[in-house]
Amino acid sequence: MIEVKEVISNAEEMMEMSIMHLEDTLSHIRAGRASTRLLDGIKVESYGSVVPLNNVSAISVPDARSIVIKPWDKNMFQPIETAIINSDLGITPENNGEVIRLGIPALTEDRRKELTKQCKSEAEHAKVSVRNARRDAIDQLKKMVKDGLAEDAQKDGEDSLQKVHDVYIKKVDDLYTAKSKEIMSV
């Protein structure tokens, strides 16, 4: 029979995965500052295969408003530029023959509000995932009572589960607050 601690541990693992997904999602939302994470999802055609951009070039952030991409092979300039233009990044690359520069434009107030709403939506999805993990664990505990688990053990398990749930909901709120602050700061 599955132990109560194991049920709580499994739920906590699911909640942690929700937090990790939220962190990853929020890191890809552009906050007006240059970051190499903005280019993580971009794939480039290289010698017949599609690979991540950082596999064919060195990417650096010389200042808060630009990203510099230095391809390791001169033949990669065109495929990299095409991949960036075709991505949902919304930035036009500048090629000087040595490096590709991406100028990160300042965000307008409307765009900042729009990005904050997007962050809130992502945070709500994460909260739903955390709540679903809690609900599934509670259902599992209720089934265990039918299989012979003491009701006191079930109630204690639910109390522990609620505490874990509250910690993860607070983490989601903290991540959202930090990203909103980053987006809204000019």
C-alpha atoms as a PDB file:
ATOM      1  CA  MET A   1       0.000   0.000   0.000  1.00  0.00           C
ATOM      2  CA  ILE A   2       1.230   3.498  -0.851  1.00  0.00           C
ATOM      3  CA  GLU A   3       2.308   5.542   2.173  1.00  0.00           C
ATOM      4  CA  VAL A   4       0.776   8.938   2.944  1.00  0.00           C
ATOM      5  CA  LYS A   5       4.248  10.520   2.779  1.00  0.00           C
ATOM      6  CA  GLU A   6       4.725   9.114  -0.705  1.00  0.00           C
ATOM      7  CA  VAL A   7       1.416  10.626  -1.876  1.00  0.00           C
ATOM      8  CA  ILE A   8       2.460  14.024  -0.490  1.00  0.00           C
ATOM      9  CA  SER A   9       5.920  13.663  -2.034  1.00  0.00           C
ATOM     10  CA  ASN A  10       4.429  12.873  -5.449  1.00  0.00           C
ATOM     11  CA  ALA A  11       2.105  15.879  -5.212  1.00  0.00           C
ATOM     12  CA  GLU A  12       5.003  18.105  -4.197  1.00  0.00           C
ATOM     13  CA  GLU A  13       7.001  16.862  -7.190  1.00  0.00           C
ATOM     14  CA  MET A  14       4.122  17.782  -9.524  1.00  0.00           C
ATOM     15  CA  MET A  15       3.886  21.229  -7.897  1.00  0.00           C
ATOM     16  CA  GLU A  16       7.639  21.729  -8.317  1.00  0.00           C
ATOM     17  CA  MET A  17       7.350  20.860 -12.012  1.00  0.00           C
ATOM     18  CA  SER A  18       4.613  23.520 -12.338  1.00  0.00           C
ATOM     19  CA  ILE A  19       6.943  26.093 -10.767  1.00  0.00           C
ATOM     20  CA  MET A  20       9.805  25.108 -13.078  1.00  0.00           C
ATOM     21  CA  HIS A  21       7.526  25.422 -16.110  1.00  0.00           C
ATOM     22  CA  LEU A  22       6.360  28.853 -14.938  1.00  0.00           C
ATOM     23  CA  GLU A  23       9.953  30.034 -14.421  1.00  0.00           C
ATOM     24  CA  ASP A  24      10.853  28.862 -17.921  1.00  0.00           C
ATOM     25  CA  THR A  25       7.786  30.474 -19.473  1.00  0.00           C
ATOM     26  CA  LEU A  26       8.323  33.793 -17.696  1.00  0.00           C
ATOM     27  CA  SER A  27      11.991  33.863 -18.696  1.00  0.00           C
ATOM     28  CA  HIS A  28      10.953  33.870 -22.359  1.00  0.00           C
ATOM     29  CA  ILE A  29       8.689  36.897 -21.953  1.00  0.00           C
ATOM     30  CA  ARG A  30      10.621  39.943 -23.086  1.00  0.00           C
ATOM     31  CA  ALA A  31      10.894  42.594 -20.397  1.00  0.00           C
ATOM     32  CA  GLY A  32      12.606  45.261 -22.487  1.00  0.00           C
ATOM     33  CA  ARG A  33      16.088  44.060 -21.533  1.00  0.00           C
ATOM     34  CA  ALA A  34      18.365  41.911 -23.622  1.00  0.00           C
ATOM     35  CA  SER A  35      18.775  38.311 -22.505  1.00  0.00           C
ATOM     36  CA  THR A  36      20.175  35.250 -24.230  1.00  0.00           C
ATOM     37  CA  ARG A  37      17.080  33.347 -23.005  1.00  0.00           C
ATOM     38  CA  LEU A  38      15.027  35.235 -25.608  1.00  0.00           C
ATOM     39  CA  LEU A  39      16.735  33.144 -28.295  1.00  0.00           C
ATOM     40  CA  ASP A  40      16.322  29.731 -26.599  1.00  0.00           C
ATOM     41  CA  GLY A  41      13.402  28.639 -28.771  1.00  0.00           C
ATOM     42  CA  ILE A  42      14.981  29.597 -32.104  1.00  0.00           C
ATOM     43  CA  LYS A  43      16.080  26.676 -34.294  1.00  0.00           C
ATOM     44  CA  VAL A  44      18.424  27.035 -37.283  1.00  0.00           C
ATOM     45  CA  GLU A  45      18.864  24.819 -40.336  1.00  0.00           C
ATOM     46  CA  SER A  46      22.485  23.674 -40.280  1.00  0.00           C
ATOM     47  CA  TYR A  47      23.867  21.195 -42.819  1.00  0.00           C
ATOM     48  CA  GLY A  48      20.574  19.376 -43.270  1.00  0.00           C
ATOM     49  CA  SER A  49      19.452  19.283 -39.640  1.00  0.00           C
ATOM     50  CA  VAL A  50      17.587  21.710 -37.409  1.00  0.00           C
ATOM     51  CA  VAL A  51      19.549  22.695 -34.284  1.00  0.00           C
ATOM     52  CA  PRO A  52      19.220  25.328 -31.531  1.00  0.00           C
ATOM     53  CA  LEU A  53      20.797  28.700 -32.327  1.00  0.00           C
ATOM     54  CA  ASN A  54      23.372  28.369 -29.545  1.00  0.00           C
ATOM     55  CA  ASN A  55      24.749  25.193 -31.206  1.00  0.00           C
ATOM     56  CA  VAL A  56      25.956  27.139 -34.261  1.00  0.00           C
ATOM     57  CA  SER A  57      27.003  30.446 -32.702  1.00  0.00           C
ATOM     58  CA  ALA A  58      28.234  32.299 -29.653  1.00  0.00           C
ATOM     59  CA  ILE A  59      25.567  34.528 -28.128  1.00  0.00           C
ATOM     60  CA  SER A  60      26.404  37.440 -25.849  1.00  0.00           C
ATOM     61  CA  VAL A  61      24.705  40.462 -24.296  1.00  0.00           C
ATOM     62  CA  PRO A  62      27.095  43.446 -24.456  1.00  0.00           C
ATOM     63  CA  ASP A  63      24.551  45.880 -22.973  1.00  0.00           C
ATOM     64  CA  ALA A  64      20.920  46.037 -21.805  1.00  0.00           C
ATOM     65  CA  ARG A  65      19.575  46.851 -25.269  1.00  0.00           C
ATOM     66  CA  SER A  66      21.385  44.469 -27.639  1.00  0.00           C
ATOM     67  CA  ILE A  67      22.258  40.842 -28.247  1.00  0.00           C
ATOM     68  CA  VAL A  68      25.257  39.854 -30.367  1.00  0.00           C
ATOM     69  CA  ILE A  69      25.352  36.549 -32.261  1.00  0.00           C
ATOM     70  CA  LYS A  70      28.705  35.424 -33.671  1.00  0.00           C
ATOM     71  CA  PRO A  71      28.271  32.380 -35.936  1.00  0.00           C
ATOM     72  CA  TRP A  72      31.106  29.858 -35.861  1.00  0.00           C
ATOM     73  CA  ASP A  73      30.735  29.306 -39.604  1.00  0.00           C
ATOM     74  CA  LYS A  74      30.430  32.204 -42.077  1.00  0.00           C
ATOM     75  CA  ASN A  75      27.858  30.180 -44.079  1.00  0.00           C
ATOM     76  CA  MET A  76      25.447  30.357 -41.135  1.00  0.00           C
ATOM     77  CA  PHE A  77      24.699  34.112 -41.335  1.00  0.00           C
ATOM     78  CA  GLN A  78      21.763  33.728 -43.735  1.00  0.00           C
ATOM     79  CA  PRO A  79      20.091  30.744 -41.961  1.00  0.00           C
ATOM     80  CA  ILE A  80      20.425  32.480 -38.573  1.00  0.00           C
ATOM     81  CA  GLU A  81      18.923  35.722 -39.886  1.00  0.00           C
ATOM     82  CA  THR A  82      16.070  33.785 -41.517  1.00  0.00           C
ATOM     83  CA  ALA A  83      15.355  31.864 -38.310  1.00  0.00           C
ATOM     84  CA  ILE A  84      15.241  35.094 -36.261  1.00  0.00           C
ATOM     85  CA  ILE A  85      12.985  36.843 -38.769  1.00  0.00           C
ATOM     86  CA  ASN A  86      10.621  33.845 -38.897  1.00  0.00           C
ATOM     87  CA  SER A  87      10.460  33.557 -35.091  1.00  0.00           C
ATOM     88  CA  ASP A  88       7.882  35.353 -32.944  1.00  0.00           C
ATOM     89  CA  LEU A  89      10.621  37.548 -31.445  1.00  0.00           C
ATOM     90  CA  GLY A  90       9.595  40.563 -33.534  1.00  0.00           C
ATOM     91  CA  ILE A  91      13.136  41.928 -33.908  1.00  0.00           C
ATOM     92  CA  THR A  92      14.957  42.490 -37.194  1.00  0.00           C
ATOM     93  CA  PRO A  93      18.604  41.333 -37.145  1.00  0.00           C
ATOM     94  CA  GLU A  94      21.440  43.561 -38.372  1.00  0.00           C
ATOM     95  CA  ASN A  95      24.339  41.781 -40.101  1.00  0.00           C
ATOM     96  CA  ASN A  96      27.702  43.525 -40.494  1.00  0.00           C
ATOM     97  CA  GLY A  97      29.570  40.516 -41.915  1.00  0.00           C
ATOM     98  CA  GLU A  98      31.260  39.690 -38.598  1.00  0.00           C
ATOM     99  CA  VAL A  99      28.344  39.439 -36.160  1.00  0.00           C
ATOM    100  CA  ILE A 100      24.558  39.647 -36.132  1.00  0.00           C
ATOM    101  CA  ARG A 101      23.162  42.299 -33.809  1.00  0.00           C
ATOM    102  CA  LEU A 102      19.665  42.339 -32.354  1.00  0.00           C
ATOM    103  CA  GLY A 103      18.575  45.717 -31.014  1.00  0.00           C
ATOM    104  CA  ILE A 104      16.010  45.249 -28.257  1.00  0.00           C
ATOM    105  CA  PRO A 105      13.533  48.152 -28.516  1.00  0.00           C
ATOM    106  CA  ALA A 106      12.145  49.811 -25.417  1.00  0.00           C
ATOM    107  CA  LEU A 107       8.641  48.657 -24.561  1.00  0.00           C
ATOM    108  CA  THR A 108       5.675  51.010 -24.806  1.00  0.00           C
ATOM    109  CA  GLU A 109       3.345  51.365 -21.813  1.00  0.00           C
ATOM    110  CA  ASP A 110       0.589  49.420 -23.622  1.00  0.00           C
ATOM    111  CA  ARG A 111       2.989  46.597 -24.476  1.00  0.00           C
ATOM    112  CA  ARG A 112       4.168  46.469 -20.849  1.00  0.00           C
ATOM    113  CA  LYS A 113       0.567  46.095 -19.654  1.00  0.00           C
ATOM    114  CA  GLU A 114      -0.054  43.426 -22.286  1.00  0.00           C
ATOM    115  CA  LEU A 115       3.041  41.469 -21.160  1.00  0.00           C
ATOM    116  CA  THR A 116       1.959  41.788 -17.516  1.00  0.00           C
ATOM    117  CA  LYS A 117      -1.426  40.302 -18.424  1.00  0.00           C
ATOM    118  CA  GLN A 118       0.362  37.468 -20.222  1.00  0.00           C
ATOM    119  CA  CYS A 119       2.452  36.841 -17.087  1.00  0.00           C
ATOM    120  CA  LYS A 120      -0.677  36.823 -14.928  1.00  0.00           C
ATOM    121  CA  SER A 121      -2.276  34.290 -17.247  1.00  0.00           C
ATOM    122  CA  GLU A 122       0.798  32.039 -17.028  1.00  0.00           C
ATOM    123  CA  ALA A 123       0.790  32.380 -13.226  1.00  0.00           C
ATOM    124  CA  GLU A 124      -2.876  31.374 -13.121  1.00  0.00           C
ATOM    125  CA  HIS A 125      -2.109  28.282 -15.207  1.00  0.00           C
ATOM    126  CA  ALA A 126       0.638  27.367 -12.744  1.00  0.00           C
ATOM    127  CA  LYS A 127      -1.752  27.838  -9.810  1.00  0.00           C
ATOM    128  CA  VAL A 128      -4.296  25.566 -11.488  1.00  0.00           C
ATOM    129  CA  SER A 129      -1.590  22.914 -11.933  1.00  0.00           C
ATOM    130  CA  VAL A 130      -0.623  23.193  -8.253  1.00  0.00           C
ATOM    131  CA  ARG A 131      -4.270  22.892  -7.216  1.00  0.00           C
ATOM    132  CA  ASN A 132      -4.762  19.904  -9.500  1.00  0.00           C
ATOM    133  CA  ALA A 133      -1.776  18.154  -7.909  1.00  0.00           C
ATOM    134  CA  ARG A 134      -3.315  18.787  -4.475  1.00  0.00           C
ATOM    135  CA  ARG A 135      -6.727  17.540  -5.620  1.00  0.00           C
ATOM    136  CA  ASP A 136      -5.270  14.370  -7.123  1.00  0.00           C
ATOM    137  CA  ALA A 137      -3.358  13.652  -3.915  1.00  0.00           C
ATOM    138  CA  ILE A 138      -6.480  14.203  -1.789  1.00  0.00           C
ATOM    139  CA  ASP A 139      -8.415  11.815  -4.050  1.00  0.00           C
ATOM    140  CA  GLN A 140      -5.647   9.278  -3.628  1.00  0.00           C
ATOM    141  CA  LEU A 141      -5.789   9.675   0.179  1.00  0.00           C
ATOM    142  CA  LYS A 142      -9.572   9.160   0.140  1.00  0.00           C
ATOM    143  CA  LYS A 143      -9.139   5.952  -1.857  1.00  0.00           C
ATOM    144  CA  MET A 144      -6.543   4.824   0.673  1.00  0.00           C
ATOM    145  CA  VAL A 145      -9.125   5.208   3.479  1.00  0.00           C
ATOM    146  CA  LYS A 146     -11.336   2.730   1.633  1.00  0.00           C
ATOM    147  CA  ASP A 147      -8.337   0.381   1.503  1.00  0.00           C
ATOM    148  CA  GLY A 148      -7.825   0.538   5.267  1.00  0.00           C
ATOM    149  CA  LEU A 149      -5.979   3.790   6.027  1.00  0.00           C
ATOM    150  CA  ALA A 150      -7.062   5.442   9.295  1.00  0.00           C
ATOM    151  CA  GLU A 151      -9.151   8.607   8.819  1.00  0.00           C
ATOM    152  CA  ASP A 152      -6.867  10.501  11.211  1.00  0.00           C
ATOM    153  CA  ALA A 153      -3.894   9.673   8.986  1.00  0.00           C
ATOM    154  CA  GLN A 154      -5.882  10.891   5.979  1.00  0.00           C
ATOM    155  CA  LYS A 155      -6.756  14.191   7.708  1.00  0.00           C
ATOM    156  CA  ASP A 156      -3.131  14.687   8.788  1.00  0.00           C
ATOM    157  CA  GLY A 157      -2.048  13.977   5.213  1.00  0.00           C
ATOM    158  CA  GLU A 158      -4.529  16.523   3.861  1.00  0.00           C
ATOM    159  CA  ASP A 159      -3.275  19.118   6.367  1.00  0.00           C
ATOM    160  CA  SER A 160       0.333  18.504   5.306  1.00  0.00           C
ATOM    161  CA  LEU A 161      -0.721  18.660   1.680  1.00  0.00           C
ATOM    162  CA  GLN A 162      -2.453  22.005   2.243  1.00  0.00           C
ATOM    163  CA  LYS A 163       0.730  23.446   3.790  1.00  0.00           C
ATOM    164  CA  VAL A 164       2.790  22.286   0.806  1.00  0.00           C
ATOM    165  CA  HIS A 165       0.136  23.712  -1.525  1.00  0.00           C
ATOM    166  CA  ASP A 166       0.261  27.096   0.224  1.00  0.00           C
ATOM    167  CA  VAL A 167       4.063  27.233  -0.121  1.00  0.00           C
ATOM    168  CA  TYR A 168       3.875  26.594  -3.872  1.00  0.00           C
ATOM    169  CA  ILE A 169       1.050  29.070  -4.439  1.00  0.00           C
ATOM    170  CA  LYS A 170       3.201  31.691  -2.682  1.00  0.00           C
ATOM    171  CA  LYS A 171       6.123  30.794  -4.979  1.00  0.00           C
ATOM    172  CA  VAL A 172       3.878  31.352  -8.016  1.00  0.00           C
ATOM    173  CA  ASP A 173       2.752  34.723  -6.641  1.00  0.00           C
ATOM    174  CA  ASP A 174       6.363  35.734  -5.918  1.00  0.00           C
ATOM    175  CA  LEU A 175       7.500  34.794  -9.431  1.00  0.00           C
ATOM    176  CA  TYR A 176       4.617  36.731 -10.986  1.00  0.00           C
ATOM    177  CA  THR A 177       5.257  39.788  -8.803  1.00  0.00           C
ATOM    178  CA  ALA A 178       8.975  39.821  -9.632  1.00  0.00           C
ATOM    179  CA  LYS A 179       8.374  39.482 -13.391  1.00  0.00           C
ATOM    180  CA  SER A 180       5.645  42.168 -13.370  1.00  0.00           C
ATOM    181  CA  LYS A 181       7.973  44.525 -11.528  1.00  0.00           C
ATOM    182  CA  GLU A 182      10.722  43.787 -14.067  1.00  0.00           C
ATOM    183  CA  ILE A 183       8.372  44.456 -16.994  1.00  0.00           C
ATOM    184  CA  MET A 184       6.879  47.645 -15.582  1.00  0.00           C
ATOM    185  CA  SER A 185      10.233  49.211 -14.609  1.00  0.00           C
ATOM    186  CA  VAL A 186      11.309  51.617 -17.312  1.00  0.00           C
END
